[in-house]
């Protein structure tokens, strides 16, 4: 099952979504992408000056986004980005430690306030110092979804 939500927002900070529309389909990524493009085109979204895709980081989603909307902005959703950050920090400092709790809190705050680019830079500097496997995987995951944040 693949699900998509489309909406528009006014160009103001912290604006709420307007004209929400949901689409769900049991389909392979390519078929879902075609249906999604048609729906977005019919709603006028593909003709909008600025388009942003918020996804969970799955490679198939970014592939479909790139195929149908190469100029659209890409953002990895906060929940999935946060989950990956928790995994990395747990690996670095141990699950449940005070240092882990403090670091997770700081990373989530940084992510929410400044976006993915600054978090990605921080992860890259940690990789140099630590070289952990989960950290490298997370950097790759975030590069797929945070490249324009």
C-alpha atoms as a PDB file:
ATOM      1  CA  UNK A   1       0.000   0.000   0.000  1.00  0.00           C
ATOM      2  CA  UNK A   2       1.366   3.351  -1.001  1.00  0.00           C
ATOM      3  CA  UNK A   3      -0.182   6.560   0.284  1.00  0.00           C
ATOM      4  CA  UNK A   4       0.289  10.172  -0.724  1.00  0.00           C
ATOM      5  CA  UNK A   5      -1.075  13.443   0.573  1.00  0.00           C
ATOM      6  CA  UNK A   6      -1.032  16.639  -1.420  1.00  0.00           C
ATOM      7  CA  UNK A   7      -1.898  20.113  -0.249  1.00  0.00           C
ATOM      8  CA  UNK A   8      -0.954  23.722  -0.677  1.00  0.00           C
ATOM      9  CA  UNK A   9       0.159  26.262   1.894  1.00  0.00           C
ATOM     10  CA  UNK A  10       0.443  30.036   1.867  1.00  0.00           C
ATOM     11  CA  UNK A  11       4.008  31.317   1.689  1.00  0.00           C
ATOM     12  CA  UNK A  12       4.225  32.209   5.375  1.00  0.00           C
ATOM     13  CA  UNK A  13       6.177  30.547   8.154  1.00  0.00           C
ATOM     14  CA  UNK A  14       4.273  27.838  10.037  1.00  0.00           C
ATOM     15  CA  UNK A  15       1.299  28.008   7.647  1.00  0.00           C
ATOM     16  CA  UNK A  16      -1.294  25.256   7.818  1.00  0.00           C
ATOM     17  CA  UNK A  17      -2.066  22.947   4.932  1.00  0.00           C
ATOM     18  CA  UNK A  18      -5.039  23.822   2.711  1.00  0.00           C
ATOM     19  CA  UNK A  19      -6.986  21.654   0.285  1.00  0.00           C
ATOM     20  CA  UNK A  20      -5.713  18.314   1.561  1.00  0.00           C
ATOM     21  CA  UNK A  21      -6.119  15.394  -0.800  1.00  0.00           C
ATOM     22  CA  UNK A  22      -5.163  11.770  -0.126  1.00  0.00           C
ATOM     23  CA  UNK A  23      -4.401   8.989  -2.557  1.00  0.00           C
ATOM     24  CA  UNK A  24      -3.821   5.330  -1.632  1.00  0.00           C
ATOM     25  CA  UNK A  25      -3.064   2.510  -4.019  1.00  0.00           C
ATOM     26  CA  UNK A  26      -1.856  -1.076  -3.977  1.00  0.00           C
ATOM     27  CA  UNK A  27       0.745  -0.715  -6.717  1.00  0.00           C
ATOM     28  CA  UNK A  28       4.379  -0.981  -7.668  1.00  0.00           C
ATOM     29  CA  UNK A  29       6.350   2.269  -7.333  1.00  0.00           C
ATOM     30  CA  UNK A  30       6.253   3.097 -11.046  1.00  0.00           C
ATOM     31  CA  UNK A  31       2.482   2.628 -11.289  1.00  0.00           C
ATOM     32  CA  UNK A  32       1.932   4.633  -8.106  1.00  0.00           C
ATOM     33  CA  UNK A  33       4.194   7.392  -9.472  1.00  0.00           C
ATOM     34  CA  UNK A  34       2.124   7.645 -12.660  1.00  0.00           C
ATOM     35  CA  UNK A  35      -1.146   7.894 -10.718  1.00  0.00           C
ATOM     36  CA  UNK A  36       0.407  10.434  -8.366  1.00  0.00           C
ATOM     37  CA  UNK A  37       1.655  12.589 -11.243  1.00  0.00           C
ATOM     38  CA  UNK A  38      -1.789  12.590 -12.874  1.00  0.00           C
ATOM     39  CA  UNK A  39      -3.442  13.550  -9.585  1.00  0.00           C
ATOM     40  CA  UNK A  40      -0.934  16.348  -8.954  1.00  0.00           C
ATOM     41  CA  UNK A  41      -1.311  17.629 -12.512  1.00  0.00           C
ATOM     42  CA  UNK A  42      -5.113  17.658 -12.310  1.00  0.00           C
ATOM     43  CA  UNK A  43      -4.968  19.575  -9.041  1.00  0.00           C
ATOM     44  CA  UNK A  44      -2.581  22.152 -10.539  1.00  0.00           C
ATOM     45  CA  UNK A  45       0.210  21.287  -8.138  1.00  0.00           C
ATOM     46  CA  UNK A  46       2.656  20.307 -10.879  1.00  0.00           C
ATOM     47  CA  UNK A  47       2.170  23.780 -12.367  1.00  0.00           C
ATOM     48  CA  UNK A  48       2.998  25.559  -9.102  1.00  0.00           C
ATOM     49  CA  UNK A  49       6.180  27.605  -8.960  1.00  0.00           C
ATOM     50  CA  UNK A  50       7.446  25.914  -5.796  1.00  0.00           C
ATOM     51  CA  UNK A  51       6.884  22.236  -5.061  1.00  0.00           C
ATOM     52  CA  UNK A  52       8.180  20.351  -2.031  1.00  0.00           C
ATOM     53  CA  UNK A  53       8.174  16.596  -1.569  1.00  0.00           C
ATOM     54  CA  UNK A  54       8.223  15.335   2.009  1.00  0.00           C
ATOM     55  CA  UNK A  55       8.972  11.614   2.094  1.00  0.00           C
ATOM     56  CA  UNK A  56      10.183   8.961   4.502  1.00  0.00           C
ATOM     57  CA  UNK A  57      13.520   8.338   2.803  1.00  0.00           C
ATOM     58  CA  UNK A  58      12.652   5.219   0.821  1.00  0.00           C
ATOM     59  CA  UNK A  59      14.727   5.185  -2.356  1.00  0.00           C
ATOM     60  CA  UNK A  60      11.729   4.335  -4.545  1.00  0.00           C
ATOM     61  CA  UNK A  61       9.986   7.539  -3.427  1.00  0.00           C
ATOM     62  CA  UNK A  62      12.927   9.761  -4.318  1.00  0.00           C
ATOM     63  CA  UNK A  63      13.320   7.944  -7.630  1.00  0.00           C
ATOM     64  CA  UNK A  64       9.681   8.658  -8.513  1.00  0.00           C
ATOM     65  CA  UNK A  65      10.010  12.260  -7.351  1.00  0.00           C
ATOM     66  CA  UNK A  66      13.117  12.741  -9.498  1.00  0.00           C
ATOM     67  CA  UNK A  67      11.444  11.176 -12.527  1.00  0.00           C
ATOM     68  CA  UNK A  68       8.207  13.185 -12.274  1.00  0.00           C
ATOM     69  CA  UNK A  69       9.422  16.402 -10.669  1.00  0.00           C
ATOM     70  CA  UNK A  70      13.206  16.922 -10.895  1.00  0.00           C
ATOM     71  CA  UNK A  71      12.895  20.596  -9.894  1.00  0.00           C
ATOM     72  CA  UNK A  72      10.842  19.867  -6.763  1.00  0.00           C
ATOM     73  CA  UNK A  73      12.459  20.380  -3.372  1.00  0.00           C
ATOM     74  CA  UNK A  74      13.137  17.266  -1.255  1.00  0.00           C
ATOM     75  CA  UNK A  75      12.645  16.967   2.504  1.00  0.00           C
ATOM     76  CA  UNK A  76      12.979  13.871   4.659  1.00  0.00           C
ATOM     77  CA  UNK A  77      10.073  13.857   7.112  1.00  0.00           C
ATOM     78  CA  UNK A  78      10.823  14.726  10.726  1.00  0.00           C
ATOM     79  CA  UNK A  79       9.665  11.412  12.209  1.00  0.00           C
ATOM     80  CA  UNK A  80      11.902   9.237  10.034  1.00  0.00           C
ATOM     81  CA  UNK A  81      14.832  11.629  10.325  1.00  0.00           C
ATOM     82  CA  UNK A  82      14.448  11.561  14.120  1.00  0.00           C
ATOM     83  CA  UNK A  83      14.263   7.758  14.218  1.00  0.00           C
ATOM     84  CA  UNK A  84      17.551   7.512  12.365  1.00  0.00           C
ATOM     85  CA  UNK A  85      19.182  10.075  14.650  1.00  0.00           C
ATOM     86  CA  UNK A  86      18.128   8.035  17.690  1.00  0.00           C
ATOM     87  CA  UNK A  87      19.694   4.894  16.174  1.00  0.00           C
ATOM     88  CA  UNK A  88      22.970   6.695  15.513  1.00  0.00           C
ATOM     89  CA  UNK A  89      23.204   8.298  18.933  1.00  0.00           C
ATOM     90  CA  UNK A  90      22.346   4.987  20.636  1.00  0.00           C
ATOM     91  CA  UNK A  91      25.184   3.328  18.740  1.00  0.00           C
ATOM     92  CA  UNK A  92      27.626   6.091  19.606  1.00  0.00           C
ATOM     93  CA  UNK A  93      26.873   6.604  23.291  1.00  0.00           C
ATOM     94  CA  UNK A  94      24.832   3.576  24.383  1.00  0.00           C
ATOM     95  CA  UNK A  95      21.085   3.181  24.611  1.00  0.00           C
ATOM     96  CA  UNK A  96      19.470   5.053  27.481  1.00  0.00           C
ATOM     97  CA  UNK A  97      22.583   6.826  28.776  1.00  0.00           C
ATOM     98  CA  UNK A  98      22.386  10.431  29.923  1.00  0.00           C
ATOM     99  CA  UNK A  99      24.754  11.486  27.137  1.00  0.00           C
ATOM    100  CA  UNK A 100      22.482   9.757  24.619  1.00  0.00           C
ATOM    101  CA  UNK A 101      19.346  11.460  25.956  1.00  0.00           C
ATOM    102  CA  UNK A 102      21.021  14.870  25.888  1.00  0.00           C
ATOM    103  CA  UNK A 103      22.459  14.354  22.400  1.00  0.00           C
ATOM    104  CA  UNK A 104      19.126  13.124  20.983  1.00  0.00           C
ATOM    105  CA  UNK A 105      17.368  16.155  22.412  1.00  0.00           C
ATOM    106  CA  UNK A 106      19.943  18.517  20.914  1.00  0.00           C
ATOM    107  CA  UNK A 107      19.883  16.804  17.503  1.00  0.00           C
ATOM    108  CA  UNK A 108      16.066  16.858  17.295  1.00  0.00           C
ATOM    109  CA  UNK A 109      15.995  20.522  18.274  1.00  0.00           C
ATOM    110  CA  UNK A 110      18.639  21.319  15.676  1.00  0.00           C
ATOM    111  CA  UNK A 111      16.703  19.354  13.059  1.00  0.00           C
ATOM    112  CA  UNK A 112      13.434  21.135  13.828  1.00  0.00           C
ATOM    113  CA  UNK A 113      14.928  24.642  14.026  1.00  0.00           C
ATOM    114  CA  UNK A 114      17.556  24.623  11.283  1.00  0.00           C
ATOM    115  CA  UNK A 115      16.672  21.685   9.052  1.00  0.00           C
ATOM    116  CA  UNK A 116      18.553  18.716   7.747  1.00  0.00           C
ATOM    117  CA  UNK A 117      21.612  20.391   6.252  1.00  0.00           C
ATOM    118  CA  UNK A 118      23.077  21.353   9.625  1.00  0.00           C
ATOM    119  CA  UNK A 119      22.306  17.922  11.089  1.00  0.00           C
ATOM    120  CA  UNK A 120      23.936  16.262   8.099  1.00  0.00           C
ATOM    121  CA  UNK A 121      27.084  18.348   8.617  1.00  0.00           C
ATOM    122  CA  UNK A 122      27.155  17.297  12.268  1.00  0.00           C
ATOM    123  CA  UNK A 123      26.813  13.647  11.286  1.00  0.00           C
ATOM    124  CA  UNK A 124      29.644  13.952   8.790  1.00  0.00           C
ATOM    125  CA  UNK A 125      31.958  15.344  11.466  1.00  0.00           C
ATOM    126  CA  UNK A 126      30.978  12.500  13.814  1.00  0.00           C
ATOM    127  CA  UNK A 127      31.812   9.956  11.106  1.00  0.00           C
ATOM    128  CA  UNK A 128      35.343  11.327  10.873  1.00  0.00           C
ATOM    129  CA  UNK A 129      35.776  10.955  14.611  1.00  0.00           C
ATOM    130  CA  UNK A 130      33.947   7.653  15.121  1.00  0.00           C
ATOM    131  CA  UNK A 131      33.628   5.681  11.865  1.00  0.00           C
ATOM    132  CA  UNK A 132      30.541   3.752  13.003  1.00  0.00           C
ATOM    133  CA  UNK A 133      28.540   1.685  10.515  1.00  0.00           C
ATOM    134  CA  UNK A 134      25.079   2.987  11.529  1.00  0.00           C
ATOM    135  CA  UNK A 135      26.380   6.540  11.256  1.00  0.00           C
ATOM    136  CA  UNK A 136      27.549   5.974   7.679  1.00  0.00           C
ATOM    137  CA  UNK A 137      24.226   4.353   6.759  1.00  0.00           C
ATOM    138  CA  UNK A 138      22.311   7.282   8.252  1.00  0.00           C
ATOM    139  CA  UNK A 139      24.384   9.843   6.390  1.00  0.00           C
ATOM    140  CA  UNK A 140      23.577   8.042   3.131  1.00  0.00           C
ATOM    141  CA  UNK A 141      19.877   7.838   4.118  1.00  0.00           C
ATOM    142  CA  UNK A 142      19.718  11.536   4.933  1.00  0.00           C
ATOM    143  CA  UNK A 143      21.630  12.536   1.802  1.00  0.00           C
ATOM    144  CA  UNK A 144      18.817  10.866  -0.154  1.00  0.00           C
ATOM    145  CA  UNK A 145      16.205  12.984   1.599  1.00  0.00           C
ATOM    146  CA  UNK A 146      17.818  16.058   3.081  1.00  0.00           C
ATOM    147  CA  UNK A 147      19.801  17.338   0.171  1.00  0.00           C
ATOM    148  CA  UNK A 148      17.745  20.492  -0.200  1.00  0.00           C
ATOM    149  CA  UNK A 149      16.652  21.178   3.384  1.00  0.00           C
END
